[in-house]
Protein backbone atom coordinates (compact mmCIF):
# COMPACT_ATOMS: atom_id res chain seq x y z
CA MET A 1 -53.45 86.78 28.46
CA PRO A 2 -53.22 89.38 25.68
CA ILE A 3 -49.96 90.09 23.85
CA ALA A 4 -48.52 93.11 25.64
CA ASP A 5 -46.86 94.72 22.61
CA PRO A 6 -48.71 93.69 19.42
CA SER A 7 -46.44 95.64 17.06
CA SER A 8 -43.26 94.07 18.40
CA PHE A 9 -44.90 90.65 18.45
CA LEU A 10 -45.93 90.87 14.79
CA ARG A 11 -42.54 92.21 13.70
CA GLY A 12 -40.92 89.32 15.55
CA LEU A 13 -42.97 86.85 13.52
CA LEU A 14 -41.84 88.51 10.28
CA ASP A 15 -38.23 88.37 11.44
CA ALA A 16 -38.60 84.65 12.25
CA ALA A 17 -40.01 83.98 8.79
CA VAL A 18 -37.16 85.81 7.08
CA ALA A 19 -34.50 84.16 9.25
CA ALA A 20 -35.82 80.72 8.29
CA ALA A 21 -34.90 81.48 4.67
CA ALA A 22 -31.49 83.07 5.23
CA PRO A 23 -29.05 81.60 2.67
CA ALA A 24 -26.24 81.24 5.19
CA ALA A 25 -28.47 79.05 7.34
CA VAL A 26 -30.26 76.94 4.72
CA LEU A 27 -27.87 76.53 1.79
CA PRO A 28 -24.79 74.63 3.08
CA ALA A 29 -26.64 71.36 3.82
CA HIS A 30 -27.77 71.14 0.18
CA LEU A 31 -24.41 71.51 -1.54
CA PRO A 32 -23.44 68.61 -3.84
CA ALA A 33 -20.09 66.87 -3.87
CA PRO A 34 -17.35 68.65 -5.84
CA PRO A 35 -16.77 67.40 -9.39
CA ARG A 36 -13.57 66.11 -10.91
CA GLY A 37 -13.48 69.11 -13.22
CA ARG A 38 -14.48 72.75 -12.89
CA THR A 39 -17.23 74.23 -10.70
CA VAL A 40 -19.06 77.20 -12.22
CA VAL A 41 -21.50 79.12 -10.01
CA VAL A 42 -24.18 81.21 -11.69
CA GLY A 43 -27.45 82.57 -10.43
CA ALA A 44 -30.05 85.29 -10.29
CA GLY A 45 -32.42 86.72 -7.72
CA LYS A 46 -32.63 88.87 -4.64
CA ALA A 47 -30.86 86.16 -2.63
CA ALA A 48 -28.26 85.37 -5.30
CA ALA A 49 -25.30 87.25 -3.81
CA ALA A 50 -25.95 85.95 -0.28
CA MET A 51 -26.29 82.44 -1.71
CA ALA A 52 -23.00 82.81 -3.58
CA ARG A 53 -21.30 83.92 -0.38
CA ALA A 54 -22.66 80.85 1.40
CA VAL A 55 -21.33 78.62 -1.38
CA GLU A 56 -17.90 80.23 -1.16
CA ASP A 57 -17.82 79.80 2.62
CA HIS A 58 -18.56 76.06 2.44
CA TRP A 59 -17.14 74.86 -0.89
CA PRO A 60 -14.04 72.67 -0.44
CA GLY A 61 -12.45 73.28 -3.84
CA PRO A 62 -11.92 75.93 -6.53
CA LEU A 63 -14.88 77.66 -8.17
CA SER A 64 -15.71 80.69 -10.28
CA GLY A 65 -18.82 82.30 -11.69
CA LEU A 66 -21.25 85.20 -11.77
CA VAL A 67 -24.58 86.02 -10.14
CA ILE A 68 -27.08 88.83 -10.67
CA THR A 69 -28.97 90.48 -7.83
CA ARG A 70 -31.06 93.57 -7.27
CA HIS A 71 -29.43 96.96 -6.65
CA GLY A 72 -28.62 97.15 -2.95
CA TYR A 73 -28.71 93.37 -2.43
CA GLY A 74 -25.06 92.69 -3.19
CA VAL A 75 -22.75 90.79 -0.86
CA ALA A 76 -18.95 90.78 -1.15
CA CYS A 77 -17.72 87.56 -2.74
CA ASP A 78 -14.15 86.49 -3.45
CA ARG A 79 -14.49 84.11 -6.40
CA VAL A 80 -17.98 84.75 -7.79
CA ALA A 81 -18.63 88.07 -9.52
CA VAL A 82 -21.75 89.92 -8.31
CA ILE A 83 -23.65 92.18 -10.71
CA GLU A 84 -26.45 94.43 -9.41
CA ALA A 85 -29.28 95.19 -11.83
CA SER A 86 -32.81 96.59 -11.96
CA HIS A 87 -35.94 94.93 -10.61
CA PRO A 88 -38.84 94.49 -11.38
CA VAL A 89 -38.31 96.12 -14.79
CA PRO A 90 -35.14 94.71 -16.40
CA ASP A 91 -32.23 96.83 -17.57
CA ALA A 92 -29.09 96.64 -19.69
CA LEU A 93 -26.93 95.60 -16.73
CA GLY A 94 -29.03 92.50 -16.19
CA MET A 95 -29.05 91.78 -19.91
CA GLU A 96 -25.28 91.93 -20.24
CA ALA A 97 -24.82 89.81 -17.09
CA ALA A 98 -27.24 87.20 -18.46
CA ARG A 99 -25.23 87.04 -21.68
CA ARG A 100 -22.09 86.48 -19.61
CA ILE A 101 -23.80 83.68 -17.68
CA LEU A 102 -24.64 81.87 -20.92
CA ASP A 103 -21.02 82.22 -22.03
CA LEU A 104 -19.78 80.81 -18.71
CA VAL A 105 -21.79 77.59 -18.95
CA ARG A 106 -21.22 76.84 -22.63
CA GLY A 107 -18.46 74.41 -23.50
CA LEU A 108 -18.39 72.59 -20.15
CA GLY A 109 -18.05 68.82 -20.04
CA SER A 110 -19.43 65.89 -18.10
CA ASP A 111 -16.69 66.17 -15.47
CA ASP A 112 -17.62 69.78 -14.70
CA LEU A 113 -20.45 71.11 -12.51
CA VAL A 114 -22.78 74.07 -12.84
CA LEU A 115 -24.37 75.37 -9.65
CA PHE A 116 -27.35 77.60 -10.39
CA LEU A 117 -28.60 79.74 -7.49
CA ALA A 118 -32.25 80.66 -8.04
CA SER A 119 -34.39 83.00 -5.99
CA GLY A 120 -37.25 85.45 -6.32
CA GLY A 121 -36.59 88.30 -8.70
CA GLY A 122 -34.37 86.16 -10.89
CA SER A 123 -36.67 86.39 -13.87
CA ALA A 124 -36.48 90.18 -14.12
CA LEU A 125 -32.83 90.37 -13.18
CA MET A 126 -31.50 87.74 -15.61
CA THR A 127 -33.05 89.16 -18.75
CA LEU A 128 -31.84 88.24 -22.22
CA PRO A 129 -34.40 89.06 -24.90
CA ALA A 130 -34.99 86.44 -27.57
CA ARG A 131 -33.91 87.01 -31.15
CA GLY A 132 -35.78 89.95 -32.67
CA VAL A 133 -37.01 91.40 -29.34
CA SER A 134 -35.38 94.54 -27.97
CA LEU A 135 -34.80 95.29 -24.31
CA ALA A 136 -37.08 98.32 -24.59
CA ASP A 137 -39.92 96.16 -25.91
CA LYS A 138 -39.44 93.61 -23.15
CA GLN A 139 -39.46 96.42 -20.58
CA ALA A 140 -42.75 97.72 -21.99
CA VAL A 141 -44.40 94.30 -21.73
CA THR A 142 -43.08 93.85 -18.20
CA ARG A 143 -44.53 97.18 -17.06
CA ALA A 144 -47.92 96.30 -18.51
CA LEU A 145 -47.96 92.88 -16.85
CA LEU A 146 -47.03 94.36 -13.47
CA LYS A 147 -49.96 96.79 -13.57
CA CYS A 148 -52.73 94.48 -14.76
CA GLY A 149 -53.03 92.13 -11.78
CA ALA A 150 -51.48 89.10 -13.49
CA THR A 151 -50.13 86.33 -11.28
CA ILE A 152 -46.42 85.59 -11.07
CA ALA A 153 -46.95 82.35 -13.00
CA GLU A 154 -48.64 84.28 -15.81
CA ILE A 155 -45.98 86.99 -15.87
CA ASN A 156 -43.20 84.44 -15.99
CA CYS A 157 -44.88 82.44 -18.74
CA VAL A 158 -44.73 85.51 -20.97
CA ARG A 159 -41.19 86.29 -19.89
CA LYS A 160 -39.99 82.77 -20.75
CA HIS A 161 -41.24 83.03 -24.30
CA LEU A 162 -39.52 86.35 -24.85
CA SER A 163 -36.21 85.08 -23.47
CA ALA A 164 -33.05 83.40 -24.72
CA ILE A 165 -32.12 82.05 -21.27
CA LYS A 166 -35.29 81.23 -19.29
CA GLY A 167 -37.62 78.25 -19.50
CA GLY A 168 -34.89 75.59 -19.53
CA ARG A 169 -32.66 77.36 -22.05
CA LEU A 170 -29.82 77.90 -19.57
CA ALA A 171 -29.71 74.17 -18.79
CA ALA A 172 -29.73 73.33 -22.49
CA ALA A 173 -26.74 75.64 -23.00
CA ALA A 174 -24.85 73.97 -20.12
CA SER A 175 -25.39 70.42 -21.40
CA PRO A 176 -23.69 67.94 -21.03
CA ALA A 177 -22.35 69.32 -17.74
CA PRO A 178 -24.22 68.17 -14.62
CA LEU A 179 -26.30 71.05 -13.26
CA VAL A 180 -27.52 71.43 -9.67
CA THR A 181 -30.06 74.15 -8.92
CA LEU A 182 -30.34 75.43 -5.36
CA ALA A 183 -33.59 77.39 -5.14
CA ILE A 184 -35.34 79.63 -2.64
CA SER A 185 -39.01 79.65 -3.63
CA ASP A 186 -40.98 82.87 -3.88
CA VAL A 187 -43.95 81.47 -5.81
CA PRO A 188 -47.23 79.94 -4.64
CA GLY A 189 -46.90 76.18 -4.96
CA ASP A 190 -43.07 76.22 -5.24
CA ASP A 191 -43.18 75.27 -8.94
CA PRO A 192 -39.57 75.06 -10.26
CA SER A 193 -40.74 76.10 -13.71
CA VAL A 194 -42.04 79.39 -12.26
CA ILE A 195 -39.27 80.25 -9.76
CA ALA A 196 -37.04 82.77 -11.63
CA SER A 197 -38.87 81.58 -14.79
CA GLY A 198 -37.26 78.13 -14.55
CA PRO A 199 -34.04 78.58 -16.54
CA THR A 200 -32.77 75.11 -15.56
CA VAL A 201 -35.93 72.97 -15.76
CA PRO A 202 -38.31 71.84 -18.52
CA ASP A 203 -41.04 74.34 -19.36
CA PRO A 204 -44.61 73.00 -19.61
CA SER A 205 -45.95 76.28 -21.03
CA SER A 206 -46.08 77.36 -24.65
CA PHE A 207 -46.12 80.35 -26.99
CA ALA A 208 -49.89 79.85 -27.20
CA ASP A 209 -50.15 80.15 -23.42
CA ALA A 210 -48.19 83.40 -23.47
CA ARG A 211 -50.46 84.83 -26.17
CA ALA A 212 -53.55 83.82 -24.19
CA ILE A 213 -52.29 85.64 -21.09
CA LEU A 214 -51.75 88.86 -23.02
CA ARG A 215 -55.26 88.56 -24.47
CA LYS A 216 -56.73 87.87 -21.03
CA TYR A 217 -55.43 91.18 -19.71
CA ASP A 218 -55.97 93.06 -22.98
CA ILE A 219 -52.29 94.03 -23.24
CA ALA A 220 -51.20 95.60 -26.51
CA VAL A 221 -47.62 94.57 -27.24
CA PRO A 222 -44.90 95.99 -29.51
CA ALA A 223 -44.75 94.52 -33.01
CA SER A 224 -41.53 92.63 -32.29
CA VAL A 225 -43.15 90.86 -29.33
CA ALA A 226 -46.23 89.95 -31.34
CA ARG A 227 -44.03 88.48 -34.09
CA ARG A 228 -42.00 86.52 -31.59
CA LEU A 229 -45.06 84.97 -29.94
CA ASP A 230 -46.83 84.30 -33.28
CA GLU A 231 -43.99 83.07 -35.45
CA ALA A 232 -41.17 81.64 -33.34
CA ASP A 233 -40.48 77.94 -33.85
CA ASP A 234 -37.92 77.52 -31.07
CA GLU A 235 -40.16 76.43 -28.19
CA THR A 236 -38.67 76.22 -24.71
CA PRO A 237 -37.25 72.79 -23.73
CA LYS A 238 -40.05 70.46 -22.66
CA PRO A 239 -40.20 67.52 -20.22
CA GLY A 240 -38.14 64.65 -21.64
CA ASP A 241 -35.60 66.91 -23.36
CA ARG A 242 -32.31 65.00 -23.14
CA ARG A 243 -30.29 68.20 -22.73
CA LEU A 244 -31.88 68.64 -19.29
CA ALA A 245 -31.39 65.03 -18.16
CA THR A 246 -28.39 65.83 -15.94
CA GLY A 247 -30.29 68.41 -13.88
CA ASP A 248 -30.81 68.12 -10.11
CA TYR A 249 -33.24 70.61 -8.53
CA ARG A 250 -33.09 71.24 -4.76
CA LEU A 251 -35.52 73.54 -2.93
CA ILE A 252 -33.59 74.90 0.03
CA ALA A 253 -36.20 77.31 1.47
CA THR A 254 -39.94 77.72 0.92
CA PRO A 255 -42.75 80.01 2.06
CA GLY A 256 -44.31 77.10 3.95
CA GLU A 257 -41.17 76.58 6.02
CA SER A 258 -41.03 80.28 6.85
CA LEU A 259 -44.67 80.28 7.96
CA ALA A 260 -43.91 77.27 10.16
CA ALA A 261 -41.04 79.21 11.77
CA ALA A 262 -43.37 82.16 12.41
CA ALA A 263 -45.95 79.80 13.92
CA ALA A 264 -43.33 78.38 16.30
CA ALA A 265 -42.36 81.92 17.33
CA ALA A 266 -46.03 82.76 17.95
CA ARG A 267 -46.47 79.72 20.20
CA SER A 268 -43.39 80.63 22.20
CA ASP A 269 -44.88 84.09 22.81
CA GLY A 270 -48.21 82.67 23.96
CA ALA A 271 -50.37 83.02 20.84
CA ALA A 272 -52.15 80.20 19.00
CA PRO A 273 -51.13 80.19 15.33
CA VAL A 274 -53.75 79.60 12.64
CA LEU A 275 -52.05 78.78 9.34
CA LEU A 276 -54.29 79.67 6.42
CA SER A 277 -52.07 78.93 3.40
CA ASP A 278 -48.63 79.66 1.99
CA ARG A 279 -50.00 80.06 -1.54
CA LEU A 280 -52.79 82.65 -1.43
CA GLU A 281 -53.24 84.71 -4.58
CA GLY A 282 -55.69 87.36 -5.75
CA GLU A 283 -56.33 91.09 -5.57
CA ALA A 284 -54.86 92.52 -2.37
CA ARG A 285 -58.03 94.31 -1.32
CA ILE A 286 -60.22 91.26 -1.97
CA VAL A 287 -57.95 88.97 0.03
CA ALA A 288 -57.91 91.59 2.79
CA ALA A 289 -61.71 91.69 2.95
CA ALA A 290 -61.88 87.90 3.24
CA GLN A 291 -59.27 87.80 6.00
CA ALA A 292 -60.97 90.64 7.86
CA ARG A 293 -64.22 88.66 7.93
CA ARG A 294 -62.41 85.63 9.29
CA ALA A 295 -60.56 87.64 11.94
CA LEU A 296 -63.78 89.35 13.07
CA ALA A 297 -65.45 85.97 13.41
CA MET A 298 -62.64 84.86 15.73
CA THR A 299 -62.91 87.76 18.19
CA SER A 300 -65.37 85.93 20.45
CA GLY A 301 -63.33 82.71 20.55
CA ALA A 302 -61.95 81.18 23.70
CA ASP A 303 -58.53 80.28 22.31
CA LEU A 304 -57.13 83.80 22.22
CA PRO A 305 -54.73 85.42 21.58
CA ALA A 306 -54.47 83.84 18.16
CA VAL A 307 -52.61 84.88 15.03
CA MET A 308 -53.67 84.14 11.46
CA LEU A 309 -50.65 83.50 9.23
CA SER A 310 -50.61 83.38 5.45
CA GLY A 311 -48.24 83.67 2.51
CA GLY A 312 -48.45 83.60 -1.26
CA GLU A 313 -48.52 86.60 -3.54
CA VAL A 314 -51.37 89.07 -3.73
CA THR A 315 -51.54 91.43 -6.68
CA VAL A 316 -52.82 94.91 -7.48
CA THR A 317 -54.60 96.05 -10.60
CA VAL A 318 -53.27 99.59 -10.81
CA ARG A 319 -55.98 102.09 -11.65
CA GLY A 320 -54.79 105.07 -9.63
CA ALA A 321 -51.67 107.20 -9.64
CA GLY A 322 -50.45 106.65 -6.09
CA ARG A 323 -47.50 104.86 -4.54
CA GLY A 324 -47.56 101.52 -2.80
CA GLY A 325 -47.22 97.78 -3.18
CA PRO A 326 -49.50 94.77 -2.72
CA ASN A 327 -48.75 94.24 0.96
CA THR A 328 -49.24 97.86 1.92
CA GLU A 329 -52.48 97.94 -0.08
CA PHE A 330 -53.59 94.74 1.69
CA ILE A 331 -53.10 96.39 5.10
CA LEU A 332 -54.92 99.55 4.03
CA ALA A 333 -57.90 97.55 2.77
CA LEU A 334 -57.80 95.41 5.92
CA ALA A 335 -57.81 98.45 8.23
CA LEU A 336 -60.86 99.86 6.45
CA ALA A 337 -62.68 96.51 6.62
CA LEU A 338 -61.95 96.12 10.34
CA GLU A 339 -63.34 99.59 11.13
CA GLY A 340 -61.21 100.03 14.24
CA GLN A 341 -62.13 96.69 15.86
CA PRO A 342 -60.31 96.91 19.21
CA GLN A 343 -59.00 93.33 19.34
CA ILE A 344 -57.17 93.12 16.01
CA HIS A 345 -53.68 94.15 14.92
CA ALA A 346 -52.03 93.15 11.64
CA LEU A 347 -48.86 93.27 9.57
CA ALA A 348 -48.15 92.41 5.94
CA ALA A 349 -44.76 92.57 4.26
CA ASP A 350 -42.75 91.18 1.40
CA THR A 351 -39.98 89.02 2.83
CA ASP A 352 -37.44 90.48 0.42
CA GLY A 353 -37.77 93.89 2.10
CA VAL A 354 -39.38 95.71 -0.84
CA ASP A 355 -43.12 96.01 -1.38
CA GLY A 356 -43.60 96.67 -5.07
CA THR A 357 -41.01 99.31 -5.96
CA GLU A 358 -40.99 101.34 -2.75
CA ASP A 359 -38.49 101.47 0.12
CA ASN A 360 -40.74 99.67 2.60
CA ALA A 361 -41.43 95.97 3.01
CA GLY A 362 -45.08 96.55 3.94
CA ALA A 363 -47.16 98.12 6.69
CA ARG A 364 -49.05 97.45 9.91
CA CYS A 365 -52.41 98.52 11.30
CA GLY A 366 -54.24 98.39 14.60
CA PRO A 367 -57.44 99.47 16.34
CA ALA A 368 -56.43 103.16 16.27
CA THR A 369 -55.34 103.33 12.61
CA ILE A 370 -58.53 104.92 11.25
CA ALA A 371 -58.82 107.45 14.09
CA ARG A 372 -55.14 108.40 13.83
CA ALA A 373 -55.50 108.87 10.08
CA ALA A 374 -58.55 111.06 10.54
CA ALA A 375 -56.62 113.24 12.99
CA LEU A 376 -54.05 113.79 10.22
CA GLN A 377 -56.84 114.47 7.68
CA LEU A 378 -55.98 111.34 5.72
CA ASP A 379 -58.89 109.96 3.72
CA LEU A 380 -58.00 106.27 3.75
CA ALA A 381 -60.78 105.21 1.39
CA SER A 382 -59.69 107.74 -1.23
CA LEU A 383 -56.08 106.71 -0.83
CA LEU A 384 -57.04 103.07 -1.41
CA ALA A 385 -59.01 104.01 -4.52
CA ASN A 386 -55.91 105.79 -5.86
CA ASN A 387 -53.58 102.85 -5.05
CA ASP A 388 -51.81 105.26 -2.70
CA SER A 389 -51.26 103.08 0.36
CA TYR A 390 -47.74 104.42 0.93
CA ALA A 391 -49.19 107.89 1.51
CA ALA A 392 -51.57 106.41 4.07
CA PHE A 393 -48.97 104.73 6.28
CA ALA A 394 -45.90 106.96 5.92
CA PRO A 395 -47.46 109.85 7.93
CA LEU A 396 -48.67 107.36 10.55
CA GLY A 397 -45.20 105.92 10.99
CA ASP A 398 -46.61 102.47 10.26
CA LEU A 399 -44.54 101.42 7.27
CA ILE A 400 -42.46 98.28 7.81
CA LEU A 401 -38.83 99.08 6.97
CA THR A 402 -36.44 96.13 6.96
CA GLY A 403 -33.92 97.09 4.32
CA PRO A 404 -32.66 94.37 1.95
CA THR A 405 -33.16 90.95 3.53
CA ARG A 406 -31.22 89.15 0.76
CA THR A 407 -33.76 86.39 0.61
CA ASN A 408 -37.32 86.08 -0.69
CA VAL A 409 -40.08 83.67 0.28
CA ASN A 410 -42.90 85.89 -0.92
CA ASP A 411 -45.55 87.74 1.06
CA PHE A 412 -45.97 87.37 4.82
CA ARG A 413 -49.21 88.29 6.55
CA ALA A 414 -49.99 88.07 10.27
CA ILE A 415 -53.28 89.11 11.90
CA LEU A 416 -53.35 89.07 15.70
CA ILE A 417 -56.70 88.61 17.45
CA GLN A 418 -56.50 89.58 21.12
CA PRO A 419 -58.84 88.49 23.95
CA ARG A 420 -61.53 90.93 24.94
CA SER A 421 -60.35 93.30 27.63
């Protein structure tokens, strides 16, 4: 039997994926035992304030601290200060809050405990430029990296080597205090050294790696950045660094677990889930073309309805002047590749509620998308060429609007293949 309401079905799968990573649900079971001394809570990311609230609600003793989250993602906390700052381009609010975080963890002893709450967006939010690098120069490099199609691992490698707090430096500052990191992963592969740029774990990357990434994408950097990457002798802490020996890293939510929750929801609604991967990367339009081919090949199958589920982080090399984010561009490219195929509906969204820098989480498409756009005189191919996917779906009413979810397990994509009617 076909799914009666494809749009509601797909939105339900997104909601199930987000709910599986809600801090209030996933964090309490991972809390460590209280220390004999002080407990200091610090953190950064789109989930940081919600995570701090969950800590406060379940912590049996006194605590204090500070977390940084994106504007609009704050949650009222009683004992942990919450600072809202800019994302994805850092600002002075995030810089000052990062400086305060370093001050909070310095001078602690072995009887104390640092809880670091890490989630997606933490790298941009907790910005503290390294010696000799200005905030303006770091902002310029960030903007260039965001436009060139670099992966999150590449972006964060550069960020770590322009930072005084990332790449294990926060943990080094907190030593000898025990440090427990509770992390919600937003990166393909769930690598702790990439999540929020790994401020509490050893960093396997180097200044040479950062320089190679900038060369790869032909990014011209300010003179202060070039000097930092060419001349600095203070490499990030590496595996085996004794200052990081007291660290304990706990992944409390991952993209794979959220996809599994969406798959369970699909089964309960009568659709067969097909899990592709939770770590797909690449250009949004190229990934869309590949998934369109696979979905089209499934339309004659017997085991329908089925839904293809995938996560990861697609990217966009910005060449146009339009508005939109990777997930909305994925859906636009997918709609064009499907050419109105009557059996296929799809949704793509960022689980944090913001696709790129817009107010939507993503978009959806269906068999009538191209015809409806034509009726509104929307040239979808031209809009795709101009990276203007927002302008394609806003008039159609097909943007996905969730508001701040206060979590982040990366992209979520669901493609429903219905039986033939």
